[in-house]
Amino acid sequence: MRFALFSASAALLVAGLFSPSVKADTRKVFCHLNVKSPVIKKTQEPARCQFSQYQGNAYVVMYPGNRSPLEFEFPTAKQNQTYERANRQGGIRFKTPYLTLKVFWSDPGKSHSF
């Protein structure tokens, strides 16, 4: 009985060591930011961004030209509480009371719509 229990435990440990690790889905994308602020209004051209998603939680890092990167977090637990998310064929729109961030899977050019 002890040997069977030990063997089962060892098998689970070995399986855990060789199972693939869980990673976020990450890709390079383009973003358009519209902020309801007198300081920053909106990006004129789409900016290069990095989009990551893990278990529905979305993370966006925006690289707006010569400025420092801007980081955005959109946790699933806060969806429809602090932000709205709209999945589209061409990307995703995140909207808060203060900003709208559109993530495009490919370069939208001058168009800021999906």
N, C-alpha and C. Protein backbone atom coordinates (compact mmCIF):
# COMPACT_ATOMS: atom_id res chain seq x y z
N MET A 1 0.82 -1.20 0.00
CA MET A 1 0.00 0.00 0.00
C MET A 1 0.87 1.26 0.00
N ARG A 2 1.91 1.27 0.84
CA ARG A 2 2.79 2.43 0.87
C ARG A 2 3.47 2.64 -0.47
N PHE A 3 3.91 1.56 -1.10
CA PHE A 3 4.59 1.68 -2.39
C PHE A 3 3.65 2.26 -3.44
N ALA A 4 2.38 1.83 -3.43
CA ALA A 4 1.40 2.35 -4.40
C ALA A 4 1.16 3.83 -4.18
N LEU A 5 1.04 4.25 -2.92
CA LEU A 5 0.83 5.65 -2.61
C LEU A 5 2.05 6.48 -3.02
N PHE A 6 3.25 5.98 -2.73
CA PHE A 6 4.49 6.66 -3.10
C PHE A 6 4.59 6.77 -4.62
N SER A 7 4.27 5.69 -5.33
CA SER A 7 4.35 5.69 -6.78
C SER A 7 3.38 6.71 -7.39
N ALA A 8 2.18 6.78 -6.85
CA ALA A 8 1.20 7.73 -7.36
C ALA A 8 1.66 9.16 -7.10
N SER A 9 2.20 9.41 -5.91
CA SER A 9 2.71 10.75 -5.59
C SER A 9 3.86 11.13 -6.49
N ALA A 10 4.77 10.18 -6.72
CA ALA A 10 5.92 10.45 -7.59
C ALA A 10 5.46 10.71 -9.02
N ALA A 11 4.47 9.97 -9.48
CA ALA A 11 3.96 10.16 -10.84
C ALA A 11 3.35 11.56 -10.99
N LEU A 12 2.60 12.02 -9.98
CA LEU A 12 2.01 13.35 -10.04
C LEU A 12 3.09 14.43 -10.02
N LEU A 13 4.13 14.23 -9.21
CA LEU A 13 5.22 15.19 -9.15
C LEU A 13 5.94 15.28 -10.49
N VAL A 14 6.23 14.14 -11.09
CA VAL A 14 6.92 14.12 -12.38
C VAL A 14 6.03 14.74 -13.45
N ALA A 15 4.74 14.44 -13.45
CA ALA A 15 3.83 15.01 -14.43
C ALA A 15 3.78 16.53 -14.29
N GLY A 16 3.80 17.03 -13.05
CA GLY A 16 3.81 18.47 -12.83
C GLY A 16 5.08 19.12 -13.35
N LEU A 17 6.20 18.43 -13.25
CA LEU A 17 7.46 18.99 -13.71
C LEU A 17 7.52 19.08 -15.23
N PHE A 18 6.87 18.17 -15.92
CA PHE A 18 6.96 18.14 -17.37
C PHE A 18 5.75 18.71 -18.09
N SER A 19 4.76 19.18 -17.35
CA SER A 19 3.60 19.76 -18.01
C SER A 19 3.96 21.16 -18.49
N PRO A 20 3.36 21.61 -19.60
CA PRO A 20 3.70 22.94 -20.13
C PRO A 20 3.27 24.03 -19.16
N SER A 21 4.06 25.07 -19.05
CA SER A 21 3.72 26.17 -18.15
C SER A 21 2.63 27.03 -18.81
N VAL A 22 1.85 27.67 -17.98
CA VAL A 22 0.78 28.52 -18.47
C VAL A 22 1.38 29.89 -18.74
N LYS A 23 1.15 30.40 -19.95
CA LYS A 23 1.69 31.69 -20.34
C LYS A 23 0.57 32.59 -20.82
N ALA A 24 0.83 33.88 -20.75
CA ALA A 24 -0.13 34.85 -21.27
C ALA A 24 -0.04 34.87 -22.79
N ASP A 25 -1.18 35.14 -23.42
CA ASP A 25 -1.21 35.34 -24.86
C ASP A 25 -0.73 36.76 -25.11
N THR A 26 0.43 36.92 -25.74
CA THR A 26 1.03 38.23 -25.95
C THR A 26 1.30 38.44 -27.43
N ARG A 27 1.00 39.65 -27.91
CA ARG A 27 1.29 39.97 -29.30
C ARG A 27 1.50 41.46 -29.47
N LYS A 28 2.20 41.82 -30.54
CA LYS A 28 2.40 43.22 -30.89
C LYS A 28 1.19 43.69 -31.67
N VAL A 29 0.69 44.87 -31.29
CA VAL A 29 -0.53 45.41 -31.88
C VAL A 29 -0.36 46.92 -32.08
N PHE A 30 -1.43 47.57 -32.48
CA PHE A 30 -1.47 49.03 -32.62
C PHE A 30 -2.59 49.55 -31.74
N CYS A 31 -2.41 50.75 -31.18
CA CYS A 31 -3.40 51.31 -30.27
C CYS A 31 -3.73 52.75 -30.64
N HIS A 32 -4.94 53.13 -30.27
CA HIS A 32 -5.37 54.52 -30.38
C HIS A 32 -5.95 54.89 -29.02
N LEU A 33 -5.45 55.99 -28.44
CA LEU A 33 -5.87 56.43 -27.12
C LEU A 33 -6.60 57.77 -27.22
N ASN A 34 -7.76 57.85 -26.58
CA ASN A 34 -8.52 59.09 -26.49
C ASN A 34 -8.78 59.33 -25.01
N VAL A 35 -8.17 60.39 -24.46
CA VAL A 35 -8.29 60.71 -23.04
C VAL A 35 -9.17 61.93 -22.86
N LYS A 36 -10.06 61.88 -21.90
CA LYS A 36 -10.92 63.02 -21.59
C LYS A 36 -10.16 63.90 -20.60
N SER A 37 -9.21 64.67 -21.14
CA SER A 37 -8.34 65.51 -20.32
C SER A 37 -7.86 66.69 -21.15
N PRO A 38 -7.65 67.85 -20.52
CA PRO A 38 -7.11 68.98 -21.28
C PRO A 38 -5.63 68.81 -21.61
N VAL A 39 -4.93 67.91 -20.93
CA VAL A 39 -3.49 67.73 -21.14
C VAL A 39 -3.22 66.84 -22.35
N ILE A 40 -3.78 65.66 -22.35
CA ILE A 40 -3.62 64.71 -23.46
C ILE A 40 -4.99 64.48 -24.06
N LYS A 41 -5.16 64.78 -25.30
CA LYS A 41 -6.46 64.59 -25.94
C LYS A 41 -6.58 63.21 -26.57
N LYS A 42 -5.76 62.95 -27.59
CA LYS A 42 -5.79 61.65 -28.26
C LYS A 42 -4.55 61.51 -29.12
N THR A 43 -4.27 60.29 -29.46
CA THR A 43 -3.15 60.04 -30.37
C THR A 43 -3.65 60.29 -31.78
N GLN A 44 -2.84 60.96 -32.57
CA GLN A 44 -3.22 61.23 -33.95
C GLN A 44 -2.97 60.02 -34.84
N GLU A 45 -1.83 59.39 -34.63
CA GLU A 45 -1.45 58.20 -35.38
C GLU A 45 -1.54 57.00 -34.45
N PRO A 46 -1.81 55.82 -34.97
CA PRO A 46 -1.82 54.65 -34.11
C PRO A 46 -0.42 54.41 -33.53
N ALA A 47 -0.37 54.10 -32.26
CA ALA A 47 0.91 53.83 -31.59
C ALA A 47 1.17 52.34 -31.55
N ARG A 48 2.43 51.98 -31.48
CA ARG A 48 2.79 50.57 -31.32
C ARG A 48 2.53 50.18 -29.87
N CYS A 49 1.98 48.99 -29.70
CA CYS A 49 1.62 48.51 -28.37
C CYS A 49 1.95 47.03 -28.23
N GLN A 50 1.91 46.60 -26.99
CA GLN A 50 2.01 45.16 -26.69
C GLN A 50 0.76 44.81 -25.91
N PHE A 51 0.05 43.79 -26.37
CA PHE A 51 -1.18 43.33 -25.73
C PHE A 51 -0.93 41.96 -25.14
N SER A 52 -1.30 41.78 -23.88
CA SER A 52 -1.20 40.48 -23.22
C SER A 52 -2.52 40.17 -22.56
N GLN A 53 -2.87 38.90 -22.56
CA GLN A 53 -4.09 38.47 -21.90
C GLN A 53 -3.85 37.13 -21.24
N TYR A 54 -4.28 37.04 -19.98
CA TYR A 54 -4.15 35.79 -19.23
C TYR A 54 -5.43 35.62 -18.43
N GLN A 55 -6.14 34.55 -18.68
CA GLN A 55 -7.40 34.24 -18.01
C GLN A 55 -8.38 35.42 -18.05
N GLY A 56 -8.42 36.11 -19.19
CA GLY A 56 -9.34 37.21 -19.39
C GLY A 56 -8.83 38.56 -18.91
N ASN A 57 -7.77 38.57 -18.10
CA ASN A 57 -7.18 39.82 -17.64
C ASN A 57 -6.31 40.38 -18.76
N ALA A 58 -6.55 41.62 -19.15
CA ALA A 58 -5.83 42.22 -20.27
C ALA A 58 -4.83 43.27 -19.77
N TYR A 59 -3.68 43.29 -20.42
CA TYR A 59 -2.62 44.25 -20.12
C TYR A 59 -2.15 44.86 -21.44
N VAL A 60 -2.03 46.17 -21.48
CA VAL A 60 -1.59 46.85 -22.69
C VAL A 60 -0.45 47.80 -22.32
N VAL A 61 0.65 47.71 -23.06
CA VAL A 61 1.74 48.67 -22.92
C VAL A 61 1.78 49.44 -24.23
N MET A 62 1.65 50.75 -24.13
CA MET A 62 1.61 51.62 -25.31
C MET A 62 2.91 52.39 -25.39
N TYR A 63 3.49 52.43 -26.58
CA TYR A 63 4.74 53.14 -26.83
C TYR A 63 4.45 54.35 -27.73
N PRO A 64 4.03 55.48 -27.14
CA PRO A 64 3.62 56.64 -27.94
C PRO A 64 4.79 57.52 -28.40
N GLY A 65 5.45 57.12 -29.45
CA GLY A 65 6.53 57.93 -30.03
C GLY A 65 7.69 58.13 -29.08
N ASN A 66 7.99 59.39 -28.77
CA ASN A 66 9.15 59.69 -27.93
C ASN A 66 8.79 59.84 -26.45
N ARG A 67 7.60 59.47 -26.05
CA ARG A 67 7.19 59.52 -24.64
C ARG A 67 7.48 58.20 -23.95
N SER A 68 7.42 58.23 -22.63
CA SER A 68 7.59 56.99 -21.85
C SER A 68 6.41 56.06 -22.12
N PRO A 69 6.63 54.76 -22.01
CA PRO A 69 5.53 53.82 -22.22
C PRO A 69 4.38 54.05 -21.23
N LEU A 70 3.18 53.84 -21.70
CA LEU A 70 1.99 53.92 -20.85
C LEU A 70 1.48 52.51 -20.64
N GLU A 71 1.17 52.15 -19.41
CA GLU A 71 0.70 50.81 -19.09
C GLU A 71 -0.75 50.86 -18.63
N PHE A 72 -1.54 49.92 -19.13
CA PHE A 72 -2.95 49.83 -18.79
C PHE A 72 -3.25 48.41 -18.33
N GLU A 73 -4.05 48.29 -17.28
CA GLU A 73 -4.48 46.99 -16.76
C GLU A 73 -6.00 46.94 -16.77
N PHE A 74 -6.53 45.84 -17.28
CA PHE A 74 -7.97 45.67 -17.32
C PHE A 74 -8.31 44.29 -16.74
N PRO A 75 -8.44 44.20 -15.40
CA PRO A 75 -8.74 42.91 -14.77
C PRO A 75 -10.19 42.47 -15.01
N THR A 76 -10.36 41.20 -15.24
CA THR A 76 -11.69 40.65 -15.50
C THR A 76 -12.66 40.97 -14.36
N ALA A 77 -12.17 40.93 -13.13
CA ALA A 77 -13.02 41.17 -11.96
C ALA A 77 -13.61 42.58 -11.95
N LYS A 78 -13.00 43.51 -12.66
CA LYS A 78 -13.47 44.91 -12.67
C LYS A 78 -14.27 45.26 -13.92
N GLN A 79 -14.42 44.28 -14.85
CA GLN A 79 -15.16 44.55 -16.08
C GLN A 79 -16.61 44.89 -15.74
N ASN A 80 -17.15 45.90 -16.41
CA ASN A 80 -18.50 46.43 -16.21
C ASN A 80 -18.66 47.11 -14.85
N GLN A 81 -17.55 47.29 -14.12
CA GLN A 81 -17.56 48.07 -12.88
C GLN A 81 -16.75 49.35 -13.08
N THR A 82 -15.50 49.19 -13.50
CA THR A 82 -14.65 50.36 -13.73
C THR A 82 -14.35 50.58 -15.21
N TYR A 83 -14.64 49.59 -16.04
CA TYR A 83 -14.42 49.73 -17.48
C TYR A 83 -15.36 48.82 -18.25
N GLU A 84 -15.54 49.14 -19.52
CA GLU A 84 -16.31 48.29 -20.45
C GLU A 84 -15.36 47.75 -21.50
N ARG A 85 -15.60 46.53 -21.90
CA ARG A 85 -14.78 45.89 -22.93
C ARG A 85 -15.68 45.45 -24.07
N ALA A 86 -15.26 45.78 -25.29
CA ALA A 86 -16.01 45.36 -26.47
C ALA A 86 -15.04 44.65 -27.42
N ASN A 87 -15.24 43.37 -27.61
CA ASN A 87 -14.41 42.58 -28.53
C ASN A 87 -14.96 42.74 -29.94
N ARG A 88 -14.09 43.09 -30.85
CA ARG A 88 -14.45 43.26 -32.25
C ARG A 88 -13.57 42.35 -33.10
N GLN A 89 -13.94 42.18 -34.35
CA GLN A 89 -13.14 41.36 -35.25
C GLN A 89 -11.75 41.96 -35.45
N GLY A 90 -11.66 43.29 -35.50
CA GLY A 90 -10.39 43.96 -35.74
C GLY A 90 -9.59 44.29 -34.50
N GLY A 91 -10.16 44.01 -33.30
CA GLY A 91 -9.45 44.32 -32.06
C GLY A 91 -10.39 44.40 -30.88
N ILE A 92 -9.99 45.18 -29.88
CA ILE A 92 -10.75 45.32 -28.64
C ILE A 92 -10.81 46.79 -28.25
N ARG A 93 -11.96 47.22 -27.74
CA ARG A 93 -12.09 48.58 -27.22
C ARG A 93 -12.29 48.50 -25.71
N PHE A 94 -11.48 49.25 -24.97
CA PHE A 94 -11.61 49.38 -23.52
C PHE A 94 -12.04 50.81 -23.24
N LYS A 95 -13.12 50.97 -22.45
CA LYS A 95 -13.64 52.31 -22.19
C LYS A 95 -13.84 52.49 -20.68
N THR A 96 -13.27 53.58 -20.15
CA THR A 96 -13.46 53.96 -18.75
C THR A 96 -14.12 55.34 -18.76
N PRO A 97 -14.47 55.86 -17.59
CA PRO A 97 -15.01 57.23 -17.56
C PRO A 97 -13.99 58.28 -18.04
N TYR A 98 -12.70 57.92 -18.06
CA TYR A 98 -11.65 58.89 -18.38
C TYR A 98 -10.98 58.69 -19.73
N LEU A 99 -11.08 57.49 -20.28
CA LEU A 99 -10.38 57.24 -21.54
C LEU A 99 -11.02 56.13 -22.34
N THR A 100 -10.67 56.11 -23.62
CA THR A 100 -11.02 54.99 -24.50
C THR A 100 -9.73 54.53 -25.15
N LEU A 101 -9.43 53.26 -25.01
CA LEU A 101 -8.24 52.67 -25.61
C LEU A 101 -8.70 51.61 -26.60
N LYS A 102 -8.33 51.80 -27.86
CA LYS A 102 -8.65 50.81 -28.89
C LYS A 102 -7.39 50.05 -29.26
N VAL A 103 -7.48 48.74 -29.24
CA VAL A 103 -6.37 47.86 -29.60
C VAL A 103 -6.70 47.24 -30.94
N PHE A 104 -5.85 47.47 -31.94
CA PHE A 104 -6.06 46.96 -33.29
C PHE A 104 -5.08 45.82 -33.56
N TRP A 105 -5.57 44.73 -34.12
CA TRP A 105 -4.70 43.58 -34.43
C TRP A 105 -3.73 43.92 -35.57
N SER A 106 -4.15 44.80 -36.48
CA SER A 106 -3.26 45.24 -37.57
C SER A 106 -3.33 46.76 -37.67
N ASP A 107 -2.39 47.35 -38.37
CA ASP A 107 -2.30 48.81 -38.48
C ASP A 107 -3.58 49.37 -39.11
N PRO A 108 -4.31 50.24 -38.38
CA PRO A 108 -5.54 50.79 -38.93
C PRO A 108 -5.32 51.98 -39.86
N GLY A 109 -4.06 52.43 -39.98
CA GLY A 109 -3.80 53.61 -40.80
C GLY A 109 -4.40 54.84 -40.17
N LYS A 110 -5.08 55.65 -40.95
CA LYS A 110 -5.70 56.89 -40.44
C LYS A 110 -7.06 56.63 -39.79
N SER A 111 -7.60 55.47 -40.03
CA SER A 111 -8.92 55.13 -39.46
C SER A 111 -8.77 54.68 -38.02
N HIS A 112 -9.58 55.25 -37.15
CA HIS A 112 -9.54 54.86 -35.74
C HIS A 112 -10.76 54.03 -35.37
N SER A 113 -11.39 53.43 -36.36
CA SER A 113 -12.56 52.60 -36.09
C SER A 113 -12.30 51.17 -36.55
N PHE A 114 -13.08 50.27 -36.02
CA PHE A 114 -12.92 48.85 -36.34
C PHE A 114 -13.63 48.53 -37.64
